[in-house]
């Protein structure tokens, strides 16, 4: 019998497992894959996410892997260029964009160091329930049942745990974009973003002197783009970011392009009787805002704040645990909803409509700092326990799962 079983050992799962183990819980972490292994990701960790790594004692470990710190940004639409950086968060001013084959094992190792039992190559295949309450998981080829007072599903957008508990979709929006990206060597580039009608190009430096360069297309173009991905990718960069395109001429694409045309936008019910969802399992949105890893870290810390204080004894009381999970669910929605709507607006790929505002920002150092602070999601307190207010009538969490009109 464990206090907590975590399904999924990447950013959300490993972080939550580590934090709960540090609070004295007996934690088992299961991962269907084996590390090191890559996964589709924009890699970027905004300053609030890096501040949490620092709080957990892991920022210096990440820096020691050779991942370059990012301390400036370029945002360009047409001829309007905004250059600068946002304010530090909890004393941390840098962002990072680590390869997942580096970051994920680092987090898993930190969880193990905290006392987590880690089993790789072990997929959750079912849940054990008693009187409507999740009390454990079935895993492995023989369906072994392992008991726990709390099961955490941190197993991605297509979460098995979410499917097994029947977690309702509370809010959903149509898919907005598709993305193709690759890793380039020999390209002098920083953290840069370029917008044009129907296109968005972004790049960021990462491990090994490589630069991740990605292009966003409207979702309805995905069937056409996927048939000529490299041609469409290079043409979009040449048209949207010609200066970056010239720098790419001196570089080389390492390996292949990676594509993703299933960028769902939703909130699932994040918790229930004996279970909770974290990371992409609970909430997924278009990657154009590069929030995925930062959101995962914030949710892990938020859950630890609400559940960690109960201690193993409190976790044994179903009523106490359910009340804590309810408080967590409310706080999670309040934390993530504002950014969700901002991302949906950006994913419309219509940056030219904001040219006037961008031009005003570019001419004002104070507005420039505020602009990049907002892009980092650092315009809200790092302490996620602060009450941010309830959703407005326009943000009602529809339990029907129907598409909400844009």
Protein backbone atom coordinates (compact mmCIF):
# COMPACT_ATOMS: atom_id res chain seq x y z
CA UNK A 1 0.00 0.00 0.00
CA UNK A 2 1.41 3.35 -1.08
CA UNK A 3 0.26 6.79 -0.07
CA UNK A 4 0.49 7.98 -3.68
CA UNK A 5 0.90 6.30 -7.07
CA UNK A 6 1.89 8.58 -9.96
CA UNK A 7 1.24 7.41 -13.53
CA UNK A 8 3.73 9.23 -15.74
CA UNK A 9 7.29 10.29 -14.92
CA UNK A 10 7.84 13.36 -17.06
CA UNK A 11 7.52 17.02 -16.03
CA UNK A 12 4.25 16.90 -14.08
CA UNK A 13 4.57 13.37 -12.74
CA UNK A 14 8.19 13.45 -11.61
CA UNK A 15 7.80 16.90 -10.05
CA UNK A 16 4.70 15.98 -8.06
CA UNK A 17 6.22 12.66 -6.99
CA UNK A 18 9.36 14.41 -5.79
CA UNK A 19 7.47 17.11 -3.87
CA UNK A 20 5.15 14.65 -2.14
CA UNK A 21 8.02 12.32 -1.24
CA UNK A 22 9.81 15.26 0.31
CA UNK A 23 6.70 15.77 2.46
CA UNK A 24 7.04 12.26 3.82
CA UNK A 25 4.65 10.33 1.58
CA UNK A 26 5.44 6.85 0.29
CA UNK A 27 5.27 7.34 -3.48
CA UNK A 28 5.40 4.92 -6.40
CA UNK A 29 6.01 6.42 -9.87
CA UNK A 30 5.18 4.38 -12.97
CA UNK A 31 6.31 5.19 -16.51
CA UNK A 32 5.23 3.21 -19.56
CA UNK A 33 8.40 4.19 -21.46
CA UNK A 34 12.05 4.08 -20.53
CA UNK A 35 14.45 6.97 -19.99
CA UNK A 36 16.17 8.64 -21.64
CA UNK A 37 13.53 9.06 -24.35
CA UNK A 38 12.44 12.11 -26.28
CA UNK A 39 8.93 13.50 -26.60
CA UNK A 40 7.26 16.22 -28.69
CA UNK A 41 7.86 19.49 -26.89
CA UNK A 42 8.61 23.17 -27.44
CA UNK A 43 11.20 22.71 -24.63
CA UNK A 44 10.81 26.23 -23.26
CA UNK A 45 10.53 26.88 -19.53
CA UNK A 46 9.32 30.40 -18.70
CA UNK A 47 10.81 32.30 -15.77
CA UNK A 48 8.06 31.20 -13.32
CA UNK A 49 8.87 27.57 -14.15
CA UNK A 50 12.60 28.16 -13.70
CA UNK A 51 11.85 29.89 -10.40
CA UNK A 52 10.14 26.71 -9.24
CA UNK A 53 13.15 24.63 -10.32
CA UNK A 54 15.25 27.00 -8.24
CA UNK A 55 12.87 26.61 -5.29
CA UNK A 56 13.19 22.82 -5.61
CA UNK A 57 17.00 22.97 -5.75
CA UNK A 58 17.21 21.83 -9.38
CA UNK A 59 17.99 24.99 -11.36
CA UNK A 60 21.75 24.70 -10.90
CA UNK A 61 21.61 21.03 -11.87
CA UNK A 62 19.85 21.99 -15.11
CA UNK A 63 22.36 24.77 -15.82
CA UNK A 64 25.22 22.31 -15.24
CA UNK A 65 23.98 20.17 -18.16
CA UNK A 66 25.10 22.90 -20.55
CA UNK A 67 21.65 24.24 -21.36
CA UNK A 68 22.14 27.91 -22.30
CA UNK A 69 20.31 30.49 -20.16
CA UNK A 70 17.96 32.81 -22.03
CA UNK A 71 17.86 36.42 -20.86
CA UNK A 72 16.57 38.37 -23.86
CA UNK A 73 13.86 38.00 -26.48
CA UNK A 74 12.83 39.35 -29.87
CA UNK A 75 9.20 39.61 -30.94
CA UNK A 76 8.63 40.86 -34.50
CA UNK A 77 5.55 41.36 -36.63
CA UNK A 78 6.18 42.92 -40.01
CA UNK A 79 8.71 45.69 -39.51
CA UNK A 80 7.85 46.22 -35.84
CA UNK A 81 10.47 44.74 -33.51
CA UNK A 82 10.13 44.51 -29.75
CA UNK A 83 13.32 43.51 -27.97
CA UNK A 84 13.89 43.12 -24.26
CA UNK A 85 13.09 40.94 -21.28
CA UNK A 86 10.70 40.73 -18.37
CA UNK A 87 11.20 41.19 -14.65
CA UNK A 88 12.86 38.44 -12.56
CA UNK A 89 10.56 35.98 -10.80
CA UNK A 90 11.52 35.17 -7.21
CA UNK A 91 14.99 36.44 -8.02
CA UNK A 92 15.33 34.29 -11.15
CA UNK A 93 15.77 36.19 -14.40
CA UNK A 94 16.65 33.48 -16.91
CA UNK A 95 14.55 31.05 -18.92
CA UNK A 96 15.79 27.72 -20.33
CA UNK A 97 14.84 25.39 -23.17
CA UNK A 98 16.37 21.98 -22.31
CA UNK A 99 16.10 18.89 -24.46
CA UNK A 100 13.62 16.51 -22.92
CA UNK A 101 16.13 13.66 -23.04
CA UNK A 102 18.02 15.74 -20.44
CA UNK A 103 15.24 17.38 -18.42
CA UNK A 104 12.99 14.37 -17.88
CA UNK A 105 15.69 12.05 -16.50
CA UNK A 106 16.93 14.90 -14.28
CA UNK A 107 13.47 15.29 -12.74
CA UNK A 108 13.00 11.53 -12.37
CA UNK A 109 16.38 11.24 -10.65
CA UNK A 110 15.41 14.03 -8.24
CA UNK A 111 12.21 12.14 -7.43
CA UNK A 112 14.16 8.94 -6.72
CA UNK A 113 16.59 10.89 -4.56
CA UNK A 114 13.61 12.15 -2.56
CA UNK A 115 12.58 8.56 -1.87
CA UNK A 116 10.23 7.78 -4.76
CA UNK A 117 10.12 4.20 -6.01
CA UNK A 118 10.39 4.39 -9.81
CA UNK A 119 9.37 1.63 -12.21
CA UNK A 120 10.06 2.15 -15.92
CA UNK A 121 8.42 0.14 -18.68
CA UNK A 122 5.34 -0.26 -16.50
CA UNK A 123 2.05 1.00 -17.93
CA UNK A 124 -1.15 1.51 -15.96
CA UNK A 125 -3.79 -0.72 -17.55
CA UNK A 126 -6.64 -0.33 -15.08
CA UNK A 127 -7.76 1.10 -11.77
CA UNK A 128 -8.84 -0.60 -8.60
CA UNK A 129 -11.91 0.92 -6.98
CA UNK A 130 -13.94 0.37 -3.81
CA UNK A 131 -17.38 1.92 -3.37
CA UNK A 132 -16.78 4.39 -6.20
CA UNK A 133 -13.38 5.45 -4.91
CA UNK A 134 -10.06 4.85 -6.67
CA UNK A 135 -7.86 2.82 -4.33
CA UNK A 136 -5.07 1.68 -6.60
CA UNK A 137 -3.94 0.74 -10.08
CA UNK A 138 -3.51 -2.31 -12.24
CA UNK A 139 -0.23 -2.35 -14.11
CA UNK A 140 2.12 -4.55 -16.07
CA UNK A 141 1.29 -7.43 -18.38
CA UNK A 142 -0.25 -9.49 -15.59
CA UNK A 143 -2.49 -6.71 -14.30
CA UNK A 144 -0.90 -6.58 -10.85
CA UNK A 145 -3.00 -4.53 -8.42
CA UNK A 146 -1.12 -2.00 -6.29
CA UNK A 147 -2.99 -0.04 -3.64
CA UNK A 148 -2.76 3.70 -2.94
CA UNK A 149 -4.74 6.36 -1.13
CA UNK A 150 -4.25 8.76 -4.04
CA UNK A 151 -3.65 8.03 -7.74
CA UNK A 152 -2.17 10.84 -9.85
CA UNK A 153 -2.63 10.71 -13.61
CA UNK A 154 0.25 12.63 -15.17
CA UNK A 155 0.22 10.53 -18.31
CA UNK A 156 -0.29 13.12 -21.01
CA UNK A 157 -3.00 14.56 -23.22
CA UNK A 158 -4.34 11.09 -24.04
CA UNK A 159 -4.30 10.11 -20.37
CA UNK A 160 -5.20 6.51 -19.55
CA UNK A 161 -6.07 7.49 -15.99
CA UNK A 162 -8.42 10.22 -17.23
CA UNK A 163 -10.15 7.72 -19.50
CA UNK A 164 -10.45 5.09 -16.77
CA UNK A 165 -12.04 7.50 -14.26
CA UNK A 166 -14.21 9.07 -16.96
CA UNK A 167 -12.96 12.57 -16.18
CA UNK A 168 -15.43 15.00 -17.79
CA UNK A 169 -14.26 17.65 -20.25
CA UNK A 170 -15.17 20.94 -18.59
CA UNK A 171 -14.04 23.39 -21.26
CA UNK A 172 -12.90 22.84 -24.82
CA UNK A 173 -12.04 24.90 -27.87
CA UNK A 174 -11.39 23.77 -31.45
CA UNK A 175 -7.87 22.93 -32.53
CA UNK A 176 -6.27 26.14 -33.73
CA UNK A 177 -2.82 25.39 -35.17
CA UNK A 178 -0.43 22.65 -36.23
CA UNK A 179 3.33 22.85 -35.80
CA UNK A 180 6.46 21.55 -37.49
CA UNK A 181 9.85 22.01 -35.87
CA UNK A 182 13.42 20.82 -36.17
CA UNK A 183 16.81 21.16 -34.50
CA UNK A 184 19.43 23.17 -36.33
CA UNK A 185 23.18 23.42 -35.86
CA UNK A 186 25.28 26.37 -36.96
CA UNK A 187 22.47 28.94 -36.66
CA UNK A 188 23.15 32.08 -34.63
CA UNK A 189 19.82 32.72 -32.95
CA UNK A 190 18.32 33.57 -29.59
CA UNK A 191 14.79 33.36 -28.27
CA UNK A 192 12.90 34.87 -31.20
CA UNK A 193 9.30 34.97 -32.44
CA UNK A 194 7.96 36.25 -35.76
CA UNK A 195 4.33 36.69 -36.71
CA UNK A 196 2.45 37.16 -39.97
CA UNK A 197 -1.14 36.50 -41.05
CA UNK A 198 -1.62 32.75 -40.80
CA UNK A 199 1.95 32.05 -39.70
CA UNK A 200 4.05 32.06 -36.55
CA UNK A 201 7.77 31.26 -36.42
CA UNK A 202 9.68 30.74 -33.20
CA UNK A 203 13.18 29.65 -32.24
CA UNK A 204 15.11 29.03 -29.06
CA UNK A 205 18.63 27.82 -28.24
CA UNK A 206 18.93 24.43 -26.54
CA UNK A 207 21.53 21.82 -25.66
CA UNK A 208 24.53 20.99 -27.84
CA UNK A 209 24.67 24.34 -29.62
CA UNK A 210 21.41 23.49 -31.40
CA UNK A 211 18.47 25.77 -32.03
CA UNK A 212 14.89 24.59 -32.09
CA UNK A 213 13.08 26.35 -34.96
CA UNK A 214 9.34 25.83 -35.33
CA UNK A 215 6.57 27.03 -37.62
CA UNK A 216 2.87 27.24 -36.75
CA UNK A 217 0.24 26.89 -39.47
CA UNK A 218 -3.57 27.09 -39.21
CA UNK A 219 -5.05 23.74 -38.24
CA UNK A 220 -7.07 23.50 -41.46
CA UNK A 221 -3.82 23.53 -43.47
CA UNK A 222 -2.45 20.45 -41.71
CA UNK A 223 -3.56 17.90 -44.35
CA UNK A 224 -1.76 19.91 -47.04
CA UNK A 225 1.31 20.84 -45.00
CA UNK A 226 2.01 17.31 -43.79
CA UNK A 227 2.35 16.14 -47.39
CA UNK A 228 5.19 18.57 -48.10
CA UNK A 229 6.34 19.45 -44.60
CA UNK A 230 9.92 20.59 -45.27
CA UNK A 231 8.93 22.70 -48.28
CA UNK A 232 6.08 24.39 -46.38
CA UNK A 233 8.30 24.88 -43.32
CA UNK A 234 11.11 26.61 -45.22
CA UNK A 235 8.70 28.71 -47.28
CA UNK A 236 6.94 29.94 -44.13
CA UNK A 237 10.24 30.94 -42.51
CA UNK A 238 11.43 32.73 -45.65
CA UNK A 239 8.20 34.74 -45.85
CA UNK A 240 7.70 35.43 -42.13
CA UNK A 241 11.26 35.71 -40.80
CA UNK A 242 13.59 36.43 -43.73
CA UNK A 243 16.53 37.40 -41.50
CA UNK A 244 16.28 34.10 -39.63
CA UNK A 245 16.00 32.30 -42.96
CA UNK A 246 19.29 33.86 -44.08
CA UNK A 247 21.00 32.71 -40.90
CA UNK A 248 19.62 29.20 -41.41
CA UNK A 249 21.38 29.06 -44.78
CA UNK A 250 24.65 28.72 -42.88
CA UNK A 251 23.29 25.95 -40.68
CA UNK A 252 22.07 22.40 -41.01
CA UNK A 253 18.92 20.56 -39.99
CA UNK A 254 19.96 17.78 -37.62
CA UNK A 255 17.71 14.81 -38.17
CA UNK A 256 14.14 15.20 -39.33
CA UNK A 257 11.26 17.58 -38.84
CA UNK A 258 8.78 16.79 -36.09
CA UNK A 259 5.10 17.57 -36.62
CA UNK A 260 2.05 17.79 -34.43
CA UNK A 261 -1.47 18.32 -35.73
CA UNK A 262 -3.46 17.29 -32.66
CA UNK A 263 -3.00 20.26 -30.36
CA UNK A 264 -6.19 19.94 -28.37
CA UNK A 265 -7.46 22.74 -26.14
CA UNK A 266 -9.33 21.58 -23.04
CA UNK A 267 -9.75 21.41 -19.30
CA UNK A 268 -10.69 18.09 -17.77
CA UNK A 269 -12.14 17.79 -14.30
CA UNK A 270 -8.85 17.67 -12.39
CA UNK A 271 -9.83 15.57 -9.41
CA UNK A 272 -12.28 13.16 -7.86
CA UNK A 273 -12.59 10.47 -5.21
CA UNK A 274 -9.05 9.23 -4.73
CA UNK A 275 -7.65 10.55 -8.03
CA UNK A 276 -6.24 13.73 -9.53
CA UNK A 277 -4.90 14.70 -12.97
CA UNK A 278 -1.80 16.81 -13.59
CA UNK A 279 -0.06 18.40 -16.55
CA UNK A 280 -1.40 17.68 -20.03
CA UNK A 281 -3.74 15.04 -18.60
CA UNK A 282 -5.68 17.77 -16.81
CA UNK A 283 -5.24 20.72 -19.12
CA UNK A 284 -3.83 21.08 -22.61
CA UNK A 285 -3.64 24.07 -24.89
CA UNK A 286 -1.94 25.13 -28.09
CA UNK A 287 1.83 25.08 -27.68
CA UNK A 288 2.22 28.49 -29.33
CA UNK A 289 2.57 30.03 -25.86
CA UNK A 290 5.16 27.38 -24.87
CA UNK A 291 3.48 26.97 -21.48
CA UNK A 292 3.36 23.19 -21.17
CA UNK A 293 6.38 22.58 -18.92
CA UNK A 294 5.78 25.68 -16.81
CA UNK A 295 2.12 24.71 -16.37
CA UNK A 296 3.18 21.21 -15.31
CA UNK A 297 5.55 22.58 -12.66
CA UNK A 298 2.94 25.01 -11.35
CA UNK A 299 0.32 22.29 -11.05
CA UNK A 300 2.77 20.00 -9.24
CA UNK A 301 3.60 22.72 -6.72
CA UNK A 302 -0.06 23.62 -6.33
CA UNK A 303 -1.01 20.01 -5.60
CA UNK A 304 1.84 19.68 -3.09
CA UNK A 305 0.62 22.83 -1.36
CA UNK A 306 -2.92 21.47 -1.02
CA UNK A 307 -2.24 17.80 -0.34
CA UNK A 308 1.27 17.77 1.06
CA UNK A 309 0.26 19.43 4.30
CA UNK A 310 -2.20 16.64 5.09
CA UNK A 311 0.58 14.19 5.80
CA UNK A 312 0.18 10.43 5.36
CA UNK A 313 -2.34 10.34 8.20
CA UNK A 314 -4.57 12.97 6.64
CA UNK A 315 -4.39 11.19 3.31
CA UNK A 316 -5.93 8.14 4.97
CA UNK A 317 -9.14 10.08 5.69
CA UNK A 318 -11.22 10.12 2.46
CA UNK A 319 -13.23 13.18 3.50
CA UNK A 320 -10.11 15.20 4.31
CA UNK A 321 -8.44 14.16 1.05
CA UNK A 322 -11.51 14.91 -1.07
CA UNK A 323 -11.83 18.37 0.47
CA UNK A 324 -8.17 19.10 -0.33
CA UNK A 325 -8.61 17.90 -3.91
CA UNK A 326 -11.68 20.13 -4.30
CA UNK A 327 -9.69 23.14 -3.12
CA UNK A 328 -6.91 22.19 -5.50
CA UNK A 329 -9.34 21.94 -8.42
CA UNK A 330 -10.68 25.44 -7.82
CA UNK A 331 -7.17 26.88 -7.52
CA UNK A 332 -6.00 25.05 -10.64
CA UNK A 333 -8.80 26.53 -12.76
CA UNK A 334 -8.16 30.02 -11.40
CA UNK A 335 -4.46 29.71 -12.11
CA UNK A 336 -4.69 28.41 -15.68
CA UNK A 337 -7.87 29.86 -17.18
CA UNK A 338 -6.59 33.41 -17.87
CA UNK A 339 -3.58 32.11 -19.77
CA UNK A 340 -5.75 29.67 -21.68
CA UNK A 341 -7.77 32.51 -23.20
CA UNK A 342 -4.65 34.51 -24.05
CA UNK A 343 -3.24 31.47 -25.83
CA UNK A 344 -6.43 30.96 -27.81
CA UNK A 345 -6.20 34.55 -29.03
CA UNK A 346 -2.57 34.11 -30.08
CA UNK A 347 -3.33 30.82 -31.83
CA UNK A 348 -5.67 32.61 -34.23
CA UNK A 349 -2.44 33.61 -36.02
CA UNK A 350 -3.53 37.20 -36.58
CA UNK A 351 -0.66 39.20 -35.01
CA UNK A 352 -0.98 41.94 -37.65
CA UNK A 353 -4.11 43.13 -35.86
CA UNK A 354 -1.92 44.27 -32.95
CA UNK A 355 0.66 46.20 -34.95
CA UNK A 356 -0.35 49.55 -33.49
CA UNK A 357 -0.02 48.33 -29.93
CA UNK A 358 3.29 46.61 -30.68
CA UNK A 359 4.71 49.77 -32.21
CA UNK A 360 3.80 51.69 -29.06
CA UNK A 361 5.38 49.01 -26.87
CA UNK A 362 8.57 48.97 -28.95
CA UNK A 363 9.11 52.69 -28.30
CA UNK A 364 8.69 52.46 -24.52
CA UNK A 365 11.18 50.55 -22.31
CA UNK A 366 8.68 50.27 -19.45
CA UNK A 367 5.97 48.84 -21.70
CA UNK A 368 8.53 46.52 -23.28
CA UNK A 369 9.43 45.06 -19.89
CA UNK A 370 5.76 44.64 -19.01
CA UNK A 371 5.13 43.02 -22.40
CA UNK A 372 7.79 40.34 -21.93
CA UNK A 373 6.77 39.84 -18.32
CA UNK A 374 3.26 39.07 -19.54
CA UNK A 375 4.49 36.73 -22.29
CA UNK A 376 6.34 34.76 -19.62
CA UNK A 377 3.17 34.41 -17.57
CA UNK A 378 4.95 36.20 -14.72
CA UNK A 379 2.39 38.95 -14.30
CA UNK A 380 0.64 36.93 -11.59
CA UNK A 381 2.06 36.02 -8.18
CA UNK A 382 4.34 32.99 -8.09
CA UNK A 383 2.52 31.89 -4.95
CA UNK A 384 -0.29 30.01 -6.67
CA UNK A 385 -2.33 29.90 -3.48
CA UNK A 386 -3.31 33.53 -3.96
CA UNK A 387 -7.00 33.73 -4.84
CA UNK A 388 -7.32 34.96 -8.42
CA UNK A 389 -11.12 35.11 -8.50
CA UNK A 390 -13.82 32.98 -10.05
CA UNK A 391 -14.38 32.61 -13.80
CA UNK A 392 -16.74 35.09 -15.37
CA UNK A 393 -19.97 34.08 -17.06
CA UNK A 394 -18.07 33.94 -20.34
CA UNK A 395 -15.69 31.36 -18.89
CA UNK A 396 -18.28 28.97 -17.51
CA UNK A 397 -16.88 25.45 -17.43
CA UNK A 398 -19.35 23.59 -19.58
CA UNK A 399 -19.81 20.03 -18.40
CA UNK A 400 -21.31 19.00 -21.73
CA UNK A 401 -17.91 18.89 -23.40
CA UNK A 402 -19.27 20.78 -26.41
CA UNK A 403 -17.11 23.20 -28.31
CA UNK A 404 -17.32 26.70 -26.87
CA UNK A 405 -17.70 29.27 -29.69
CA UNK A 406 -14.64 31.39 -30.31
